[in-house]
N, C-alpha and C. Protein backbone atom coordinates (compact mmCIF):
# COMPACT_ATOMS: atom_id res chain seq x y z
N MET A 1 -9.89 -16.12 6.73
CA MET A 1 -9.66 -14.69 6.94
C MET A 1 -10.16 -13.90 5.73
N VAL A 2 -10.54 -12.67 6.00
CA VAL A 2 -10.92 -11.74 4.94
C VAL A 2 -9.83 -10.68 4.81
N VAL A 3 -9.29 -10.56 3.61
CA VAL A 3 -8.23 -9.58 3.35
C VAL A 3 -8.78 -8.54 2.39
N LEU A 4 -8.93 -7.33 2.86
CA LEU A 4 -9.37 -6.22 2.02
C LEU A 4 -8.13 -5.57 1.41
N VAL A 5 -8.05 -5.61 0.08
CA VAL A 5 -6.89 -5.04 -0.62
C VAL A 5 -7.40 -3.93 -1.52
N THR A 6 -6.78 -2.76 -1.39
CA THR A 6 -7.19 -1.62 -2.21
C THR A 6 -6.02 -1.13 -3.05
N ALA A 7 -6.37 -0.42 -4.12
CA ALA A 7 -5.37 0.22 -4.98
C ALA A 7 -5.98 1.50 -5.52
N PHE A 8 -5.15 2.35 -6.05
CA PHE A 8 -5.60 3.66 -6.51
C PHE A 8 -5.83 3.70 -8.01
N ASP A 9 -6.66 4.67 -8.41
CA ASP A 9 -6.83 4.94 -9.83
C ASP A 9 -5.63 5.74 -10.35
N ALA A 10 -5.57 5.93 -11.65
CA ALA A 10 -4.46 6.66 -12.27
C ALA A 10 -4.47 8.12 -11.82
N PHE A 11 -3.30 8.72 -11.73
CA PHE A 11 -3.18 10.10 -11.29
C PHE A 11 -2.00 10.76 -12.00
N GLY A 12 -1.91 12.07 -11.82
CA GLY A 12 -0.77 12.81 -12.37
C GLY A 12 -0.68 12.78 -13.89
N GLY A 13 -1.82 12.64 -14.55
CA GLY A 13 -1.83 12.63 -16.00
C GLY A 13 -1.51 11.29 -16.64
N GLU A 14 -1.31 10.26 -15.82
CA GLU A 14 -0.99 8.93 -16.35
C GLU A 14 -2.28 8.19 -16.73
N ALA A 15 -2.14 7.26 -17.67
CA ALA A 15 -3.29 6.47 -18.12
C ALA A 15 -3.54 5.27 -17.22
N LEU A 16 -2.49 4.81 -16.53
CA LEU A 16 -2.57 3.61 -15.70
C LEU A 16 -2.01 3.89 -14.32
N ASN A 17 -2.47 3.11 -13.36
CA ASN A 17 -1.83 3.04 -12.06
C ASN A 17 -1.43 1.59 -11.85
N ALA A 18 -0.13 1.34 -11.70
CA ALA A 18 0.37 -0.03 -11.59
C ALA A 18 -0.29 -0.79 -10.44
N SER A 19 -0.61 -0.09 -9.36
CA SER A 19 -1.21 -0.78 -8.21
C SER A 19 -2.57 -1.37 -8.57
N TRP A 20 -3.37 -0.65 -9.33
CA TRP A 20 -4.69 -1.15 -9.70
C TRP A 20 -4.58 -2.26 -10.74
N GLU A 21 -3.64 -2.11 -11.69
CA GLU A 21 -3.45 -3.15 -12.69
C GLU A 21 -3.06 -4.47 -12.01
N ALA A 22 -2.22 -4.37 -10.98
CA ALA A 22 -1.80 -5.57 -10.25
C ALA A 22 -2.95 -6.14 -9.43
N LEU A 23 -3.69 -5.28 -8.75
CA LEU A 23 -4.77 -5.75 -7.90
C LEU A 23 -5.82 -6.50 -8.72
N LYS A 24 -6.11 -6.02 -9.91
CA LYS A 24 -7.10 -6.70 -10.75
C LYS A 24 -6.71 -8.13 -11.07
N GLN A 25 -5.38 -8.41 -11.06
CA GLN A 25 -4.89 -9.74 -11.42
C GLN A 25 -4.81 -10.68 -10.22
N LEU A 26 -4.97 -10.17 -9.02
CA LEU A 26 -4.91 -11.04 -7.85
C LEU A 26 -6.08 -12.02 -7.86
N PRO A 27 -5.87 -13.24 -7.35
CA PRO A 27 -6.98 -14.19 -7.28
C PRO A 27 -8.00 -13.77 -6.23
N GLU A 28 -9.16 -14.39 -6.29
CA GLU A 28 -10.23 -14.09 -5.33
C GLU A 28 -9.98 -14.76 -3.98
N GLU A 29 -9.04 -15.71 -3.97
CA GLU A 29 -8.76 -16.45 -2.74
C GLU A 29 -7.28 -16.84 -2.74
N ILE A 30 -6.62 -16.71 -1.61
CA ILE A 30 -5.23 -17.10 -1.46
C ILE A 30 -5.13 -17.99 -0.23
N GLN A 31 -4.79 -19.25 -0.43
CA GLN A 31 -4.70 -20.24 0.65
C GLN A 31 -5.92 -20.22 1.57
N GLY A 32 -7.09 -20.17 0.96
CA GLY A 32 -8.33 -20.20 1.72
C GLY A 32 -8.76 -18.87 2.29
N ASN A 33 -7.95 -17.82 2.11
CA ASN A 33 -8.29 -16.49 2.59
C ASN A 33 -9.00 -15.71 1.49
N ILE A 34 -10.12 -15.10 1.83
CA ILE A 34 -10.92 -14.36 0.85
C ILE A 34 -10.27 -13.01 0.57
N ILE A 35 -10.09 -12.70 -0.70
CA ILE A 35 -9.49 -11.43 -1.11
C ILE A 35 -10.58 -10.52 -1.66
N VAL A 36 -10.82 -9.41 -0.96
CA VAL A 36 -11.79 -8.40 -1.41
C VAL A 36 -10.99 -7.28 -2.06
N LYS A 37 -11.25 -7.01 -3.34
CA LYS A 37 -10.47 -6.04 -4.11
C LYS A 37 -11.31 -4.79 -4.40
N ARG A 38 -10.77 -3.62 -4.06
CA ARG A 38 -11.49 -2.38 -4.29
C ARG A 38 -10.54 -1.27 -4.77
N GLN A 39 -11.04 -0.43 -5.66
CA GLN A 39 -10.28 0.73 -6.12
C GLN A 39 -10.66 1.95 -5.29
N LEU A 40 -9.65 2.77 -4.97
CA LEU A 40 -9.87 4.02 -4.27
C LEU A 40 -9.47 5.19 -5.17
N PRO A 41 -10.09 6.34 -4.99
CA PRO A 41 -9.68 7.52 -5.75
C PRO A 41 -8.39 8.11 -5.18
N THR A 42 -7.55 8.61 -6.05
CA THR A 42 -6.32 9.26 -5.58
C THR A 42 -6.67 10.68 -5.14
N VAL A 43 -7.33 10.73 -3.99
CA VAL A 43 -7.87 11.98 -3.47
C VAL A 43 -7.72 11.97 -1.95
N PHE A 44 -7.15 13.03 -1.40
CA PHE A 44 -7.03 13.15 0.05
C PHE A 44 -8.42 13.09 0.70
N HIS A 45 -8.51 12.44 1.82
CA HIS A 45 -9.72 12.33 2.65
C HIS A 45 -10.83 11.52 1.97
N ARG A 46 -11.20 11.82 0.74
CA ARG A 46 -12.25 11.03 0.10
C ARG A 46 -11.82 9.57 -0.05
N SER A 47 -10.52 9.36 -0.26
CA SER A 47 -10.04 7.99 -0.38
C SER A 47 -10.34 7.20 0.89
N PHE A 48 -10.13 7.82 2.05
CA PHE A 48 -10.40 7.07 3.27
C PHE A 48 -11.88 6.97 3.56
N SER A 49 -12.67 7.95 3.16
CA SER A 49 -14.11 7.82 3.34
C SER A 49 -14.62 6.57 2.63
N GLU A 50 -14.11 6.31 1.42
CA GLU A 50 -14.51 5.11 0.69
C GLU A 50 -13.94 3.85 1.33
N LEU A 51 -12.68 3.92 1.78
CA LEU A 51 -12.08 2.76 2.43
C LEU A 51 -12.83 2.42 3.72
N LYS A 52 -13.20 3.42 4.47
CA LYS A 52 -13.94 3.20 5.71
C LYS A 52 -15.24 2.45 5.44
N ALA A 53 -15.93 2.81 4.38
CA ALA A 53 -17.18 2.13 4.03
C ALA A 53 -16.91 0.66 3.69
N HIS A 54 -15.80 0.40 2.99
CA HIS A 54 -15.45 -0.99 2.66
C HIS A 54 -15.12 -1.78 3.93
N ILE A 55 -14.42 -1.14 4.86
CA ILE A 55 -14.08 -1.80 6.12
C ILE A 55 -15.36 -2.15 6.89
N GLU A 56 -16.28 -1.21 6.96
CA GLU A 56 -17.52 -1.44 7.68
C GLU A 56 -18.35 -2.54 7.02
N GLU A 57 -18.30 -2.61 5.69
CA GLU A 57 -19.09 -3.62 4.99
C GLU A 57 -18.50 -5.02 5.14
N HIS A 58 -17.19 -5.14 4.98
CA HIS A 58 -16.57 -6.46 4.88
C HIS A 58 -15.95 -6.96 6.18
N LYS A 59 -15.74 -6.07 7.14
CA LYS A 59 -15.17 -6.44 8.45
C LYS A 59 -13.93 -7.33 8.27
N PRO A 60 -12.91 -6.79 7.60
CA PRO A 60 -11.73 -7.60 7.27
C PRO A 60 -10.85 -7.90 8.48
N ASP A 61 -10.06 -8.95 8.33
CA ASP A 61 -9.02 -9.26 9.31
C ASP A 61 -7.73 -8.51 8.99
N ILE A 62 -7.53 -8.24 7.70
CA ILE A 62 -6.35 -7.51 7.23
C ILE A 62 -6.81 -6.46 6.24
N VAL A 63 -6.25 -5.26 6.35
CA VAL A 63 -6.46 -4.20 5.35
C VAL A 63 -5.10 -3.85 4.77
N LEU A 64 -4.95 -4.10 3.49
CA LEU A 64 -3.68 -3.85 2.80
C LEU A 64 -3.94 -2.91 1.64
N SER A 65 -3.36 -1.74 1.68
CA SER A 65 -3.50 -0.79 0.58
C SER A 65 -2.24 -0.82 -0.28
N LEU A 66 -2.46 -0.66 -1.59
CA LEU A 66 -1.38 -0.66 -2.57
C LEU A 66 -1.31 0.69 -3.25
N GLY A 67 -0.09 1.07 -3.63
CA GLY A 67 0.10 2.30 -4.38
C GLY A 67 1.30 2.18 -5.30
N GLN A 68 1.40 3.11 -6.20
CA GLN A 68 2.49 3.13 -7.18
C GLN A 68 3.57 4.10 -6.74
N ALA A 69 4.82 3.68 -6.87
CA ALA A 69 5.96 4.54 -6.55
C ALA A 69 6.91 4.55 -7.74
N ALA A 70 6.69 5.48 -8.66
CA ALA A 70 7.54 5.60 -9.84
C ALA A 70 8.97 5.91 -9.40
N GLY A 71 9.92 5.20 -9.97
CA GLY A 71 11.32 5.40 -9.62
C GLY A 71 11.88 4.31 -8.73
N ARG A 72 11.01 3.59 -8.01
CA ARG A 72 11.48 2.47 -7.20
C ARG A 72 11.60 1.23 -8.07
N ARG A 73 12.59 0.40 -7.76
CA ARG A 73 12.86 -0.78 -8.58
C ARG A 73 12.11 -2.02 -8.13
N GLY A 74 11.88 -2.12 -6.84
CA GLY A 74 11.26 -3.33 -6.30
C GLY A 74 10.00 -3.02 -5.53
N ILE A 75 9.42 -4.07 -4.99
CA ILE A 75 8.24 -3.93 -4.14
C ILE A 75 8.68 -3.40 -2.78
N SER A 76 8.02 -2.35 -2.31
CA SER A 76 8.41 -1.69 -1.06
C SER A 76 7.30 -1.86 -0.04
N ILE A 77 7.62 -2.54 1.04
CA ILE A 77 6.65 -2.72 2.12
C ILE A 77 6.89 -1.62 3.15
N GLU A 78 5.88 -0.79 3.35
CA GLU A 78 6.07 0.40 4.17
C GLU A 78 6.02 0.09 5.66
N ARG A 79 6.96 0.69 6.37
CA ARG A 79 7.03 0.51 7.83
C ARG A 79 6.17 1.52 8.58
N VAL A 80 6.09 2.77 8.09
CA VAL A 80 5.52 3.85 8.89
C VAL A 80 4.78 4.85 8.01
N ALA A 81 3.73 5.43 8.58
CA ALA A 81 3.00 6.53 7.95
C ALA A 81 3.01 7.71 8.91
N ILE A 82 3.18 8.91 8.38
CA ILE A 82 3.28 10.11 9.23
C ILE A 82 2.04 10.99 9.06
N ASN A 83 1.79 11.79 10.07
CA ASN A 83 0.57 12.60 10.13
C ASN A 83 0.74 13.93 9.40
N VAL A 84 0.98 13.85 8.10
CA VAL A 84 1.12 15.07 7.31
C VAL A 84 0.77 14.80 5.85
N ASP A 85 0.06 15.75 5.26
CA ASP A 85 -0.17 15.80 3.82
C ASP A 85 0.67 16.94 3.27
N ASP A 86 1.51 16.63 2.30
CA ASP A 86 2.38 17.66 1.71
C ASP A 86 2.56 17.28 0.23
N ALA A 87 1.65 17.75 -0.60
CA ALA A 87 1.53 17.25 -1.97
C ALA A 87 2.41 18.01 -2.95
N ARG A 88 3.21 17.24 -3.68
CA ARG A 88 4.04 17.83 -4.75
C ARG A 88 3.19 18.19 -5.96
N ILE A 89 2.12 17.41 -6.19
CA ILE A 89 1.19 17.66 -7.29
C ILE A 89 -0.23 17.59 -6.74
N PRO A 90 -1.21 18.13 -7.45
CA PRO A 90 -2.59 18.03 -6.99
C PRO A 90 -3.10 16.59 -7.07
N ASP A 91 -4.05 16.27 -6.20
CA ASP A 91 -4.70 14.97 -6.29
C ASP A 91 -5.74 15.02 -7.42
N ASN A 92 -6.52 13.98 -7.58
CA ASN A 92 -7.46 13.93 -8.70
C ASN A 92 -8.68 14.82 -8.53
N ASP A 93 -8.82 15.46 -7.39
CA ASP A 93 -9.85 16.48 -7.21
C ASP A 93 -9.26 17.87 -7.24
N GLY A 94 -7.97 17.97 -7.59
CA GLY A 94 -7.33 19.27 -7.68
C GLY A 94 -6.84 19.83 -6.37
N GLN A 95 -6.90 19.04 -5.29
CA GLN A 95 -6.42 19.51 -3.99
C GLN A 95 -4.91 19.33 -3.88
N GLN A 96 -4.25 20.29 -3.28
CA GLN A 96 -2.80 20.18 -3.08
C GLN A 96 -2.44 20.72 -1.69
N PRO A 97 -2.75 19.94 -0.66
CA PRO A 97 -2.44 20.40 0.70
C PRO A 97 -0.93 20.50 0.92
N ILE A 98 -0.54 21.51 1.64
CA ILE A 98 0.88 21.73 1.96
C ILE A 98 1.03 21.76 3.48
N ASP A 99 1.81 20.84 4.00
CA ASP A 99 2.12 20.79 5.43
C ASP A 99 0.85 20.81 6.31
N GLU A 100 -0.14 20.01 5.92
CA GLU A 100 -1.37 19.91 6.71
C GLU A 100 -1.40 18.57 7.45
N THR A 101 -1.88 18.60 8.68
CA THR A 101 -2.03 17.35 9.41
C THR A 101 -3.20 16.55 8.84
N ILE A 102 -3.07 15.24 8.87
CA ILE A 102 -4.16 14.37 8.43
C ILE A 102 -5.24 14.32 9.50
N VAL A 103 -4.82 14.16 10.73
CA VAL A 103 -5.74 14.12 11.88
C VAL A 103 -5.27 15.14 12.90
N ASP A 104 -6.05 16.19 13.12
CA ASP A 104 -5.68 17.19 14.10
C ASP A 104 -5.56 16.56 15.48
N ASN A 105 -4.49 16.90 16.18
CA ASN A 105 -4.21 16.37 17.52
C ASN A 105 -4.00 14.86 17.52
N GLY A 106 -3.75 14.29 16.33
CA GLY A 106 -3.45 12.87 16.25
C GLY A 106 -1.98 12.61 16.51
N PRO A 107 -1.60 11.36 16.60
CA PRO A 107 -0.19 11.03 16.82
C PRO A 107 0.66 11.43 15.62
N SER A 108 1.94 11.52 15.83
CA SER A 108 2.85 11.92 14.75
C SER A 108 2.96 10.85 13.67
N ALA A 109 2.83 9.58 14.07
CA ALA A 109 3.01 8.49 13.11
C ALA A 109 2.36 7.22 13.63
N TYR A 110 2.13 6.30 12.70
CA TYR A 110 1.72 4.93 13.03
C TYR A 110 2.63 3.97 12.29
N PHE A 111 2.96 2.87 12.95
CA PHE A 111 3.72 1.81 12.31
C PHE A 111 2.76 0.75 11.78
N SER A 112 3.14 0.14 10.67
CA SER A 112 2.37 -0.97 10.12
C SER A 112 2.16 -2.04 11.19
N THR A 113 1.01 -2.65 11.17
CA THR A 113 0.74 -3.75 12.10
C THR A 113 0.81 -5.10 11.38
N LEU A 114 1.35 -5.10 10.18
CA LEU A 114 1.58 -6.33 9.43
C LEU A 114 3.00 -6.84 9.66
N PRO A 115 3.25 -8.12 9.43
CA PRO A 115 4.61 -8.67 9.59
C PRO A 115 5.47 -8.31 8.38
N ILE A 116 5.94 -7.09 8.34
CA ILE A 116 6.53 -6.54 7.11
C ILE A 116 7.80 -7.28 6.66
N LYS A 117 8.61 -7.71 7.61
CA LYS A 117 9.84 -8.41 7.21
C LYS A 117 9.56 -9.82 6.74
N ALA A 118 8.59 -10.46 7.35
CA ALA A 118 8.19 -11.79 6.87
C ALA A 118 7.62 -11.68 5.46
N MET A 119 6.87 -10.62 5.20
CA MET A 119 6.30 -10.41 3.87
C MET A 119 7.38 -10.17 2.84
N SER A 120 8.35 -9.34 3.18
CA SER A 120 9.46 -9.06 2.27
C SER A 120 10.27 -10.32 1.99
N ALA A 121 10.54 -11.08 3.03
CA ALA A 121 11.32 -12.31 2.87
C ALA A 121 10.60 -13.32 1.99
N GLU A 122 9.28 -13.41 2.14
CA GLU A 122 8.50 -14.35 1.33
C GLU A 122 8.56 -13.97 -0.15
N ILE A 123 8.51 -12.68 -0.42
CA ILE A 123 8.64 -12.22 -1.81
C ILE A 123 10.03 -12.56 -2.36
N ASN A 124 11.04 -12.31 -1.55
CA ASN A 124 12.42 -12.57 -1.98
C ASN A 124 12.67 -14.03 -2.32
N THR A 125 11.96 -14.94 -1.66
CA THR A 125 12.16 -16.37 -1.96
C THR A 125 11.79 -16.71 -3.39
N LEU A 126 11.00 -15.85 -4.02
CA LEU A 126 10.60 -16.07 -5.42
C LEU A 126 11.58 -15.45 -6.40
N GLY A 127 12.63 -14.82 -5.87
CA GLY A 127 13.58 -14.13 -6.73
C GLY A 127 13.07 -12.77 -7.19
N ILE A 128 12.08 -12.25 -6.50
CA ILE A 128 11.50 -10.95 -6.83
C ILE A 128 12.00 -9.93 -5.81
N GLU A 129 12.43 -8.78 -6.29
CA GLU A 129 13.03 -7.78 -5.42
C GLU A 129 11.97 -7.15 -4.52
N ALA A 130 12.25 -7.15 -3.22
CA ALA A 130 11.36 -6.52 -2.23
C ALA A 130 12.20 -6.08 -1.05
N SER A 131 11.77 -5.01 -0.41
CA SER A 131 12.50 -4.50 0.75
C SER A 131 11.55 -3.69 1.62
N ILE A 132 12.06 -3.36 2.81
CA ILE A 132 11.30 -2.50 3.72
C ILE A 132 11.59 -1.05 3.38
N SER A 133 10.54 -0.26 3.27
CA SER A 133 10.67 1.18 3.04
C SER A 133 10.32 1.91 4.32
N ASN A 134 11.08 2.94 4.61
CA ASN A 134 10.84 3.73 5.81
C ASN A 134 10.20 5.07 5.53
N THR A 135 9.70 5.26 4.31
CA THR A 135 8.91 6.44 4.01
C THR A 135 7.86 6.12 2.97
N ALA A 136 6.62 6.40 3.32
CA ALA A 136 5.51 6.22 2.39
C ALA A 136 5.21 7.51 1.64
N GLY A 137 6.13 8.50 1.78
CA GLY A 137 5.91 9.79 1.14
C GLY A 137 4.95 10.65 1.93
N THR A 138 4.42 11.68 1.27
CA THR A 138 3.45 12.57 1.92
C THR A 138 2.26 12.86 1.00
N PHE A 139 2.04 11.95 0.03
CA PHE A 139 0.91 12.10 -0.88
C PHE A 139 -0.24 11.21 -0.40
N VAL A 140 -1.11 10.80 -1.27
CA VAL A 140 -2.32 10.07 -0.86
C VAL A 140 -1.99 8.68 -0.32
N CYS A 141 -0.89 8.09 -0.76
CA CYS A 141 -0.50 6.77 -0.23
C CYS A 141 -0.25 6.82 1.27
N ASN A 142 0.56 7.77 1.69
CA ASN A 142 0.81 7.94 3.12
C ASN A 142 -0.47 8.30 3.85
N HIS A 143 -1.28 9.14 3.23
CA HIS A 143 -2.55 9.56 3.84
C HIS A 143 -3.44 8.35 4.15
N ILE A 144 -3.55 7.44 3.19
CA ILE A 144 -4.45 6.30 3.40
C ILE A 144 -3.88 5.32 4.42
N MET A 145 -2.56 5.14 4.42
CA MET A 145 -1.95 4.25 5.41
C MET A 145 -2.15 4.80 6.82
N PHE A 146 -1.88 6.08 7.00
CA PHE A 146 -2.07 6.69 8.32
C PHE A 146 -3.53 6.57 8.74
N SER A 147 -4.42 6.86 7.82
CA SER A 147 -5.85 6.90 8.15
C SER A 147 -6.38 5.53 8.53
N LEU A 148 -5.99 4.48 7.80
CA LEU A 148 -6.53 3.15 8.12
C LEU A 148 -5.99 2.65 9.46
N LEU A 149 -4.75 3.02 9.79
CA LEU A 149 -4.20 2.61 11.08
C LEU A 149 -4.80 3.43 12.23
N HIS A 150 -5.04 4.71 11.99
CA HIS A 150 -5.66 5.56 13.00
C HIS A 150 -7.09 5.09 13.28
N TYR A 151 -7.80 4.75 12.23
CA TYR A 151 -9.19 4.29 12.39
C TYR A 151 -9.25 3.02 13.24
N ALA A 152 -8.34 2.09 12.96
CA ALA A 152 -8.31 0.86 13.76
C ALA A 152 -8.03 1.17 15.22
N CYS A 153 -7.14 2.13 15.45
CA CYS A 153 -6.77 2.48 16.83
C CYS A 153 -7.93 3.13 17.58
N VAL A 154 -8.52 4.16 17.00
CA VAL A 154 -9.54 4.91 17.74
C VAL A 154 -10.85 4.14 17.85
N GLN A 155 -11.13 3.28 16.86
CA GLN A 155 -12.36 2.49 16.92
C GLN A 155 -12.16 1.14 17.61
N GLU A 156 -10.92 0.88 18.02
CA GLU A 156 -10.57 -0.38 18.70
C GLU A 156 -10.96 -1.59 17.85
N LEU A 157 -10.61 -1.51 16.57
CA LEU A 157 -10.85 -2.62 15.65
C LEU A 157 -9.61 -3.50 15.62
N ASP A 158 -9.81 -4.79 15.39
CA ASP A 158 -8.67 -5.72 15.50
C ASP A 158 -8.07 -6.12 14.16
N TYR A 159 -8.42 -5.42 13.08
CA TYR A 159 -7.74 -5.75 11.83
C TYR A 159 -6.30 -5.25 11.86
N ARG A 160 -5.44 -5.98 11.14
CA ARG A 160 -4.06 -5.54 10.96
C ARG A 160 -3.96 -4.81 9.63
N GLY A 161 -3.14 -3.77 9.58
CA GLY A 161 -3.12 -2.96 8.37
C GLY A 161 -1.75 -2.49 7.98
N GLY A 162 -1.61 -2.19 6.70
CA GLY A 162 -0.35 -1.67 6.19
C GLY A 162 -0.45 -1.29 4.72
N PHE A 163 0.71 -1.01 4.14
CA PHE A 163 0.75 -0.45 2.78
C PHE A 163 1.95 -1.02 2.03
N ILE A 164 1.74 -1.25 0.74
CA ILE A 164 2.82 -1.69 -0.14
C ILE A 164 2.87 -0.77 -1.36
N HIS A 165 4.07 -0.28 -1.66
CA HIS A 165 4.31 0.46 -2.90
C HIS A 165 4.90 -0.50 -3.93
N ILE A 166 4.43 -0.38 -5.16
CA ILE A 166 5.01 -1.18 -6.23
C ILE A 166 5.56 -0.25 -7.31
N PRO A 167 6.57 -0.71 -8.06
CA PRO A 167 7.13 0.13 -9.11
C PRO A 167 6.21 0.22 -10.32
N CYS A 168 6.59 1.04 -11.26
CA CYS A 168 5.86 1.09 -12.52
C CYS A 168 5.93 -0.28 -13.20
N ILE A 169 4.97 -0.51 -14.08
CA ILE A 169 5.01 -1.71 -14.91
C ILE A 169 5.47 -1.32 -16.31
N LYS A 170 5.81 -2.32 -17.11
CA LYS A 170 6.46 -2.08 -18.40
C LYS A 170 5.66 -1.14 -19.30
N GLU A 171 4.33 -1.29 -19.29
CA GLU A 171 3.49 -0.48 -20.16
C GLU A 171 3.60 1.01 -19.87
N GLN A 172 4.03 1.36 -18.66
CA GLN A 172 4.09 2.77 -18.27
C GLN A 172 5.39 3.45 -18.64
N VAL A 173 6.40 2.69 -19.00
CA VAL A 173 7.72 3.28 -19.20
C VAL A 173 8.18 3.22 -20.66
N VAL A 174 7.28 2.93 -21.56
CA VAL A 174 7.64 2.86 -22.98
C VAL A 174 8.28 4.17 -23.43
N ASP A 175 7.73 5.30 -23.00
CA ASP A 175 8.27 6.61 -23.37
C ASP A 175 9.09 7.23 -22.24
N LYS A 176 9.42 6.42 -21.23
CA LYS A 176 10.23 6.90 -20.10
C LYS A 176 11.32 5.88 -19.79
N PRO A 177 12.25 5.68 -20.70
CA PRO A 177 13.23 4.61 -20.54
C PRO A 177 14.12 4.76 -19.31
N GLN A 178 14.14 5.95 -18.71
CA GLN A 178 14.97 6.15 -17.53
C GLN A 178 14.34 5.58 -16.28
N LEU A 179 13.05 5.27 -16.32
CA LEU A 179 12.35 4.77 -15.14
C LEU A 179 12.48 3.25 -15.02
N PRO A 180 12.80 2.75 -13.84
CA PRO A 180 12.80 1.29 -13.64
C PRO A 180 11.37 0.77 -13.64
N TYR A 181 11.22 -0.51 -13.91
CA TYR A 181 9.90 -1.11 -13.92
C TYR A 181 10.01 -2.57 -13.50
N MET A 182 8.86 -3.16 -13.24
CA MET A 182 8.78 -4.59 -12.92
C MET A 182 7.66 -5.18 -13.77
N ASP A 183 7.87 -6.37 -14.28
CA ASP A 183 6.82 -7.04 -15.05
C ASP A 183 5.59 -7.25 -14.17
N LEU A 184 4.43 -7.03 -14.73
CA LEU A 184 3.19 -7.16 -13.97
C LEU A 184 3.04 -8.55 -13.37
N THR A 185 3.45 -9.57 -14.11
CA THR A 185 3.33 -10.93 -13.57
C THR A 185 4.15 -11.10 -12.30
N ASP A 186 5.33 -10.49 -12.24
CA ASP A 186 6.16 -10.57 -11.03
C ASP A 186 5.55 -9.77 -9.89
N VAL A 187 4.97 -8.63 -10.21
CA VAL A 187 4.30 -7.84 -9.16
C VAL A 187 3.18 -8.65 -8.52
N VAL A 188 2.38 -9.29 -9.36
CA VAL A 188 1.25 -10.07 -8.85
C VAL A 188 1.74 -11.24 -8.00
N LYS A 189 2.77 -11.94 -8.48
CA LYS A 189 3.33 -13.05 -7.70
C LYS A 189 3.86 -12.54 -6.36
N GLY A 190 4.52 -11.39 -6.38
CA GLY A 190 5.05 -10.82 -5.15
C GLY A 190 3.96 -10.44 -4.17
N LEU A 191 2.88 -9.87 -4.67
CA LEU A 191 1.77 -9.50 -3.79
C LEU A 191 1.10 -10.73 -3.20
N GLU A 192 0.95 -11.78 -4.00
CA GLU A 192 0.38 -13.02 -3.47
C GLU A 192 1.25 -13.56 -2.34
N ALA A 193 2.56 -13.52 -2.53
CA ALA A 193 3.48 -13.99 -1.49
C ALA A 193 3.36 -13.14 -0.23
N ALA A 194 3.27 -11.83 -0.40
CA ALA A 194 3.14 -10.93 0.74
C ALA A 194 1.87 -11.21 1.52
N ILE A 195 0.78 -11.46 0.81
CA ILE A 195 -0.49 -11.74 1.48
C ILE A 195 -0.44 -13.08 2.20
N ARG A 196 0.19 -14.07 1.58
CA ARG A 196 0.35 -15.36 2.27
C ARG A 196 1.07 -15.18 3.60
N ALA A 197 2.15 -14.42 3.58
CA ALA A 197 2.92 -14.20 4.80
C ALA A 197 2.11 -13.40 5.82
N ALA A 198 1.37 -12.41 5.35
CA ALA A 198 0.57 -11.60 6.26
C ALA A 198 -0.50 -12.42 6.96
N CYS A 199 -1.01 -13.41 6.27
CA CYS A 199 -2.08 -14.25 6.83
C CYS A 199 -1.56 -15.34 7.76
N THR A 200 -0.30 -15.73 7.60
CA THR A 200 0.22 -16.87 8.36
C THR A 200 1.18 -16.49 9.48
N ALA A 201 1.87 -15.36 9.35
CA ALA A 201 2.87 -14.97 10.35
C ALA A 201 2.18 -14.28 11.52
N THR A 202 2.20 -14.91 12.68
CA THR A 202 1.59 -14.31 13.86
C THR A 202 2.49 -13.23 14.48
N ILE A 203 3.79 -13.42 14.35
CA ILE A 203 4.75 -12.39 14.76
C ILE A 203 5.76 -12.23 13.63
N ASP A 204 6.36 -11.06 13.55
CA ASP A 204 7.29 -10.80 12.47
C ASP A 204 8.63 -11.48 12.74
N ILE A 205 9.39 -11.68 11.68
CA ILE A 205 10.71 -12.27 11.82
C ILE A 205 11.74 -11.20 12.16
N LYS A 206 12.85 -11.60 12.75
CA LYS A 206 13.97 -10.71 13.00
C LYS A 206 14.96 -10.86 11.85
N ALA A 207 15.11 -9.83 11.06
CA ALA A 207 16.01 -9.89 9.90
C ALA A 207 16.49 -8.50 9.59
N VAL A 208 17.64 -8.42 8.95
CA VAL A 208 18.19 -7.12 8.55
C VAL A 208 17.21 -6.45 7.59
N GLY A 209 16.90 -5.20 7.86
CA GLY A 209 15.98 -4.48 6.98
C GLY A 209 16.25 -3.01 6.94
N GLY A 210 17.31 -2.58 7.62
CA GLY A 210 17.63 -1.15 7.65
C GLY A 210 18.17 -0.66 6.31
N ARG A 211 17.99 0.62 6.05
CA ARG A 211 18.45 1.22 4.81
C ARG A 211 19.24 2.49 5.12
N LEU A 212 20.17 2.81 4.24
CA LEU A 212 20.93 4.04 4.39
C LEU A 212 20.31 5.18 3.60
N ASP A 213 19.43 4.84 2.63
CA ASP A 213 18.82 5.90 1.81
C ASP A 213 17.41 6.21 2.25
């Protein structure tokens, strides 16, 4: 299988993006599955234009996008993306859409087509914190998840797709002691486990995954 994994560049005045730092550390192959690693700009619409080109070039079986979620403690596997851009801060091109649809006349939301609970459970077996998230936000992370799932739907492509948010890494919180973080080595191990599960689980597992927050 070919697994296309993307991550974003730094944004919001930060020097690093934990998702890209983690992606760079992933191996080129996981259990015989080829891992194609690409960086995307933290920019509405342009991010998907670049992702679309990577999809067309590599014809992946799985498309997994990664992003950073400052304030979260563990790895968050996203369940759903919604059809709205509502930016708290500008993207890296200075755009700050407010309450704009990603795809006009598109569906309200798309659900991940990856085995999200199997992926979370596989990470947990390593003693690394992971859970299902029911909101990917309304910034570029949600935008790219919605877009990659919409593209698969309208183009009738058979890749499975989804999104994972990871917390900050230690290097990012030296001057922000109030922010939780995860060691980069644990993030990488967790992502490898998630990819293994995504490649092997033909159907998702039934397990408790609901949240009150």
